Amino acid sequence: MNADRRVRVRFAEEADAAEIADVHLTSRSAAMPYLPPPEHSREQVVRWIREIVLRRCRVWVAVGGTRINGYAALDGDMLEHLYLRPDMRRQGLGTLLLDEVKRHSPGGVSLRVFQRNAEARAFYVHHGFVVVDTNDGERNMENLPDMTLRWSPVAGIGSATLACEAQRHG
């Protein structure tokens, strides 16, 4: 990222709810055009972010200047949301947010992603997540097949060590 586009990650505040909702809505629409149109109004999504997400989850925002360009929401060890403004994708913001989530999750992180969302799946696999299960869509409101992925710092180190050992002895 160049000097005039510096981004910092900070904890979200209640005052961020409307901008987080905008990121959420625009990102889902751009990244997952196969989803049906949103059933909830922008105002309902703002209220959901403010009253549910910000109260239940640890939420970080990636801020460039005064604009929120992305957010991540962690509920326990479950990454519930990681969304970026469509014009800010592929600039390292997702990695910045995911690194922050990992720093706060020493025991590992799980998440769910739609099976059709190949870009998100590739992003998470690139960052060390592995598929632990798949589902036919019964557990999400969109009723779309999804999968659970998991990142574990211990498993990641062990897997890398095993791969090196296999290569040496292979």
C-alpha atoms as a PDB file:
ATOM      1  CA  MET A   1       0.000   0.000   0.000  1.00  0.00           C
ATOM      2  CA  ASN A   2       1.468   3.407  -0.859  1.00  0.00           C
ATOM      3  CA  ALA A   3       1.921   6.242   1.658  1.00  0.00           C
ATOM      4  CA  ASP A   4      -1.226   8.150   0.678  1.00  0.00           C
ATOM      5  CA  ARG A   5      -3.369   5.029   1.183  1.00  0.00           C
ATOM      6  CA  ARG A   6      -2.223   3.971   4.644  1.00  0.00           C
ATOM      7  CA  VAL A   7      -4.590   1.776   6.524  1.00  0.00           C
ATOM      8  CA  ARG A   8      -4.800   1.151  10.229  1.00  0.00           C
ATOM      9  CA  VAL A   9      -6.780  -1.515  11.997  1.00  0.00           C
ATOM     10  CA  ARG A  10      -8.678  -0.593  15.149  1.00  0.00           C
ATOM     11  CA  PHE A  11     -11.531  -1.892  17.255  1.00  0.00           C
ATOM     12  CA  ALA A  12     -14.922  -0.883  15.906  1.00  0.00           C
ATOM     13  CA  GLU A  13     -17.156   1.503  17.805  1.00  0.00           C
ATOM     14  CA  GLU A  14     -20.926   1.862  17.860  1.00  0.00           C
ATOM     15  CA  ALA A  15     -20.592   5.002  15.746  1.00  0.00           C
ATOM     16  CA  ASP A  16     -19.117   2.821  12.961  1.00  0.00           C
ATOM     17  CA  ALA A  17     -22.296   0.739  12.532  1.00  0.00           C
ATOM     18  CA  ALA A  18     -23.658   2.547   9.444  1.00  0.00           C
ATOM     19  CA  GLU A  19     -20.350   2.457   7.602  1.00  0.00           C
ATOM     20  CA  ILE A  20     -19.790  -1.218   8.522  1.00  0.00           C
ATOM     21  CA  ALA A  21     -23.282  -1.994   7.218  1.00  0.00           C
ATOM     22  CA  ASP A  22     -22.441  -0.277   3.926  1.00  0.00           C
ATOM     23  CA  VAL A  23     -19.254  -2.351   3.617  1.00  0.00           C
ATOM     24  CA  HIS A  24     -21.233  -5.503   4.413  1.00  0.00           C
ATOM     25  CA  LEU A  25     -23.961  -4.849   1.852  1.00  0.00           C
ATOM     26  CA  THR A  26     -21.742  -3.662  -1.009  1.00  0.00           C
ATOM     27  CA  SER A  27     -19.195  -6.418  -0.488  1.00  0.00           C
ATOM     28  CA  ARG A  28     -21.741  -9.237  -0.455  1.00  0.00           C
ATOM     29  CA  SER A  29     -23.425  -7.864  -3.563  1.00  0.00           C
ATOM     30  CA  ALA A  30     -20.150  -7.522  -5.503  1.00  0.00           C
ATOM     31  CA  ALA A  31     -18.405 -10.711  -4.338  1.00  0.00           C
ATOM     32  CA  MET A  32     -21.414 -13.021  -4.383  1.00  0.00           C
ATOM     33  CA  PRO A  33     -23.725 -12.015  -7.241  1.00  0.00           C
ATOM     34  CA  TYR A  34     -25.438 -15.418  -6.988  1.00  0.00           C
ATOM     35  CA  LEU A  35     -27.046 -14.427  -3.675  1.00  0.00           C
ATOM     36  CA  PRO A  36     -30.686 -13.377  -3.781  1.00  0.00           C
ATOM     37  CA  PRO A  37     -31.354  -9.663  -3.246  1.00  0.00           C
ATOM     38  CA  PRO A  38     -31.085  -8.640   0.419  1.00  0.00           C
ATOM     39  CA  GLU A  39     -34.245  -9.230   2.432  1.00  0.00           C
ATOM     40  CA  HIS A  40     -33.374  -6.511   4.919  1.00  0.00           C
ATOM     41  CA  SER A  41     -33.228  -2.759   4.401  1.00  0.00           C
ATOM     42  CA  ARG A  42     -30.019  -0.819   4.983  1.00  0.00           C
ATOM     43  CA  GLU A  43     -31.514   0.521   8.215  1.00  0.00           C
ATOM     44  CA  GLN A  44     -32.207  -3.013   9.440  1.00  0.00           C
ATOM     45  CA  VAL A  45     -28.640  -4.051   8.647  1.00  0.00           C
ATOM     46  CA  VAL A  46     -27.283  -0.995  10.501  1.00  0.00           C
ATOM     47  CA  ARG A  47     -29.412  -1.939  13.520  1.00  0.00           C
ATOM     48  CA  TRP A  48     -28.209  -5.580  13.309  1.00  0.00           C
ATOM     49  CA  ILE A  49     -24.566  -4.439  13.196  1.00  0.00           C
ATOM     50  CA  ARG A  50     -25.059  -2.042  16.124  1.00  0.00           C
ATOM     51  CA  GLU A  51     -27.260  -4.217  18.341  1.00  0.00           C
ATOM     52  CA  ILE A  52     -26.008  -7.742  17.565  1.00  0.00           C
ATOM     53  CA  VAL A  53     -22.624  -7.845  15.829  1.00  0.00           C
ATOM     54  CA  LEU A  54     -20.900  -5.074  17.811  1.00  0.00           C
ATOM     55  CA  ARG A  55     -22.235  -6.408  21.113  1.00  0.00           C
ATOM     56  CA  ARG A  56     -21.628 -10.130  20.545  1.00  0.00           C
ATOM     57  CA  CYS A  57     -18.364 -10.049  18.580  1.00  0.00           C
ATOM     58  CA  ARG A  58     -14.945  -8.477  18.737  1.00  0.00           C
ATOM     59  CA  VAL A  59     -14.990  -6.323  15.631  1.00  0.00           C
ATOM     60  CA  TRP A  60     -12.060  -4.656  13.900  1.00  0.00           C
ATOM     61  CA  VAL A  61     -12.212  -2.133  11.092  1.00  0.00           C
ATOM     62  CA  ALA A  62      -9.586  -1.285   8.483  1.00  0.00           C
ATOM     63  CA  VAL A  63      -9.567   2.496   8.181  1.00  0.00           C
ATOM     64  CA  GLY A  64      -7.930   4.506   5.403  1.00  0.00           C
ATOM     65  CA  GLY A  65      -8.071   8.213   6.188  1.00  0.00           C
ATOM     66  CA  THR A  66     -11.530   8.565   7.705  1.00  0.00           C
ATOM     67  CA  ARG A  67     -13.180   5.804   5.668  1.00  0.00           C
ATOM     68  CA  ILE A  68     -13.836   2.260   6.853  1.00  0.00           C
ATOM     69  CA  ASN A  69     -12.686  -0.014   4.047  1.00  0.00           C
ATOM     70  CA  GLY A  70     -13.326  -3.378   5.662  1.00  0.00           C
ATOM     71  CA  TYR A  71     -14.235  -5.182   8.840  1.00  0.00           C
ATOM     72  CA  ALA A  72     -13.822  -8.495  10.603  1.00  0.00           C
ATOM     73  CA  ALA A  73     -16.075  -9.840  13.377  1.00  0.00           C
ATOM     74  CA  LEU A  74     -14.928 -12.633  15.688  1.00  0.00           C
ATOM     75  CA  ASP A  75     -17.373 -14.453  17.977  1.00  0.00           C
ATOM     76  CA  GLY A  76     -15.319 -16.666  20.294  1.00  0.00           C
ATOM     77  CA  ASP A  77     -13.127 -18.583  17.856  1.00  0.00           C
ATOM     78  CA  MET A  78     -15.573 -18.228  14.935  1.00  0.00           C
ATOM     79  CA  LEU A  79     -14.838 -15.597  12.302  1.00  0.00           C
ATOM     80  CA  GLU A  80     -18.395 -14.546  11.540  1.00  0.00           C
ATOM     81  CA  HIS A  81     -17.614 -11.817   9.004  1.00  0.00           C
ATOM     82  CA  LEU A  82     -14.713 -10.474   6.962  1.00  0.00           C
ATOM     83  CA  TYR A  83     -15.822  -8.049   4.275  1.00  0.00           C
ATOM     84  CA  LEU A  84     -14.076  -5.341   2.250  1.00  0.00           C
ATOM     85  CA  ARG A  85     -15.330  -2.524   0.084  1.00  0.00           C
ATOM     86  CA  PRO A  86     -15.258  -3.885  -3.480  1.00  0.00           C
ATOM     87  CA  ASP A  87     -12.817  -1.190  -4.642  1.00  0.00           C
ATOM     88  CA  MET A  88     -10.397  -2.100  -1.830  1.00  0.00           C
ATOM     89  CA  ARG A  89     -10.028  -5.808  -2.589  1.00  0.00           C
ATOM     90  CA  ARG A  90      -6.637  -7.299  -3.467  1.00  0.00           C
ATOM     91  CA  GLN A  91      -4.723  -4.570  -1.634  1.00  0.00           C
ATOM     92  CA  GLY A  92      -3.804  -6.456   1.534  1.00  0.00           C
ATOM     93  CA  LEU A  93      -6.690  -5.278   3.718  1.00  0.00           C
ATOM     94  CA  GLY A  94      -8.194  -8.746   4.102  1.00  0.00           C
ATOM     95  CA  THR A  95      -4.814 -10.052   5.214  1.00  0.00           C
ATOM     96  CA  LEU A  96      -4.415  -7.175   7.708  1.00  0.00           C
ATOM     97  CA  LEU A  97      -7.800  -7.925   9.231  1.00  0.00           C
ATOM     98  CA  LEU A  98      -7.252 -11.684   9.230  1.00  0.00           C
ATOM     99  CA  ASP A  99      -3.848 -11.242  10.897  1.00  0.00           C
ATOM    100  CA  GLU A 100      -5.524  -9.198  13.629  1.00  0.00           C
ATOM    101  CA  VAL A 101      -8.120 -11.934  14.137  1.00  0.00           C
ATOM    102  CA  LYS A 102      -5.375 -14.573  14.326  1.00  0.00           C
ATOM    103  CA  ARG A 103      -3.434 -12.508  16.885  1.00  0.00           C
ATOM    104  CA  HIS A 104      -6.495 -12.561  19.111  1.00  0.00           C
ATOM    105  CA  SER A 105      -7.116 -16.287  18.544  1.00  0.00           C
ATOM    106  CA  PRO A 106      -4.128 -18.224  19.881  1.00  0.00           C
ATOM    107  CA  GLY A 107      -6.137 -21.461  19.874  1.00  0.00           C
ATOM    108  CA  GLY A 108      -7.176 -21.100  16.233  1.00  0.00           C
ATOM    109  CA  VAL A 109     -10.058 -19.733  14.189  1.00  0.00           C
ATOM    110  CA  SER A 110     -12.969 -21.340  12.338  1.00  0.00           C
ATOM    111  CA  LEU A 111     -15.225 -19.823   9.691  1.00  0.00           C
ATOM    112  CA  ARG A 112     -17.894 -20.781   7.209  1.00  0.00           C
ATOM    113  CA  VAL A 113     -17.869 -19.900   3.547  1.00  0.00           C
ATOM    114  CA  PHE A 114     -20.247 -20.682   0.704  1.00  0.00           C
ATOM    115  CA  GLN A 115     -18.898 -23.485  -1.462  1.00  0.00           C
ATOM    116  CA  ARG A 116     -19.527 -21.315  -4.543  1.00  0.00           C
ATOM    117  CA  ASN A 117     -17.341 -18.522  -3.153  1.00  0.00           C
ATOM    118  CA  ALA A 118     -14.126 -19.728  -4.796  1.00  0.00           C
ATOM    119  CA  GLU A 119     -12.232 -16.464  -4.216  1.00  0.00           C
ATOM    120  CA  ALA A 120     -12.914 -16.471  -0.465  1.00  0.00           C
ATOM    121  CA  ARG A 121     -12.052 -20.167  -0.222  1.00  0.00           C
ATOM    122  CA  ALA A 122      -8.749 -19.566  -2.023  1.00  0.00           C
ATOM    123  CA  PHE A 123      -7.965 -16.576   0.227  1.00  0.00           C
ATOM    124  CA  TYR A 124      -8.479 -18.594   3.398  1.00  0.00           C
ATOM    125  CA  VAL A 125      -6.586 -21.643   2.128  1.00  0.00           C
ATOM    126  CA  HIS A 126      -3.708 -19.317   1.185  1.00  0.00           C
ATOM    127  CA  HIS A 127      -3.712 -18.146   4.812  1.00  0.00           C
ATOM    128  CA  GLY A 128      -3.471 -21.643   6.243  1.00  0.00           C
ATOM    129  CA  PHE A 129      -7.117 -22.649   6.686  1.00  0.00           C
ATOM    130  CA  VAL A 130      -8.198 -26.218   5.944  1.00  0.00           C
ATOM    131  CA  VAL A 131     -11.670 -27.597   5.215  1.00  0.00           C
ATOM    132  CA  VAL A 132     -13.067 -29.495   8.205  1.00  0.00           C
ATOM    133  CA  ASP A 133     -16.622 -30.115   6.968  1.00  0.00           C
ATOM    134  CA  THR A 134     -19.188 -29.343   4.292  1.00  0.00           C
ATOM    135  CA  ASN A 135     -22.918 -28.760   4.513  1.00  0.00           C
ATOM    136  CA  ASP A 136     -25.850 -28.716   2.107  1.00  0.00           C
ATOM    137  CA  GLY A 137     -26.994 -25.240   3.211  1.00  0.00           C
ATOM    138  CA  GLU A 138     -29.344 -26.182   6.026  1.00  0.00           C
ATOM    139  CA  ARG A 139     -27.340 -24.111   8.534  1.00  0.00           C
ATOM    140  CA  ASN A 140     -27.377 -20.761   6.714  1.00  0.00           C
ATOM    141  CA  MET A 141     -30.237 -18.429   5.907  1.00  0.00           C
ATOM    142  CA  GLU A 142     -29.377 -18.437   2.192  1.00  0.00           C
ATOM    143  CA  ASN A 143     -29.771 -22.257   2.076  1.00  0.00           C
ATOM    144  CA  LEU A 144     -26.590 -22.530   0.000  1.00  0.00           C
ATOM    145  CA  PRO A 145     -24.006 -25.309   0.420  1.00  0.00           C
ATOM    146  CA  ASP A 146     -21.211 -24.126   2.659  1.00  0.00           C
ATOM    147  CA  MET A 147     -18.079 -25.406   4.326  1.00  0.00           C
ATOM    148  CA  THR A 148     -16.295 -24.890   7.612  1.00  0.00           C
ATOM    149  CA  LEU A 149     -12.614 -24.027   7.469  1.00  0.00           C
ATOM    150  CA  ARG A 150     -10.200 -23.967  10.413  1.00  0.00           C
ATOM    151  CA  TRP A 151      -6.835 -22.352  11.050  1.00  0.00           C
ATOM    152  CA  SER A 152      -4.791 -23.702  13.900  1.00  0.00           C
ATOM    153  CA  PRO A 153      -1.353 -22.294  14.686  1.00  0.00           C
ATOM    154  CA  VAL A 154      -0.230 -25.639  16.128  1.00  0.00           C
ATOM    155  CA  ALA A 155      -1.565 -27.696  13.213  1.00  0.00           C
ATOM    156  CA  GLY A 156      -0.072 -25.249  10.716  1.00  0.00           C
ATOM    157  CA  ILE A 157       3.379 -25.567  12.250  1.00  0.00           C
ATOM    158  CA  GLY A 158       3.066 -29.340  12.524  1.00  0.00           C
ATOM    159  CA  SER A 159       1.931 -29.680   8.916  1.00  0.00           C
ATOM    160  CA  ALA A 160       4.831 -27.578   7.670  1.00  0.00           C
ATOM    161  CA  THR A 161       7.260 -29.639   9.738  1.00  0.00           C
ATOM    162  CA  LEU A 162       5.797 -32.901   8.408  1.00  0.00           C
ATOM    163  CA  ALA A 163       6.011 -31.621   4.845  1.00  0.00           C
ATOM    164  CA  CYS A 164       9.686 -30.686   5.322  1.00  0.00           C
ATOM    165  CA  GLU A 165      10.421 -34.065   6.898  1.00  0.00           C
ATOM    166  CA  ALA A 166       8.679 -35.894   4.057  1.00  0.00           C
ATOM    167  CA  GLN A 167      10.624 -33.890   1.497  1.00  0.00           C
ATOM    168  CA  ARG A 168      13.937 -34.658   3.228  1.00  0.00           C
ATOM    169  CA  HIS A 169      13.186 -38.366   3.476  1.00  0.00           C
ATOM    170  CA  GLY A 170      11.207 -38.686   0.265  1.00  0.00           C
END
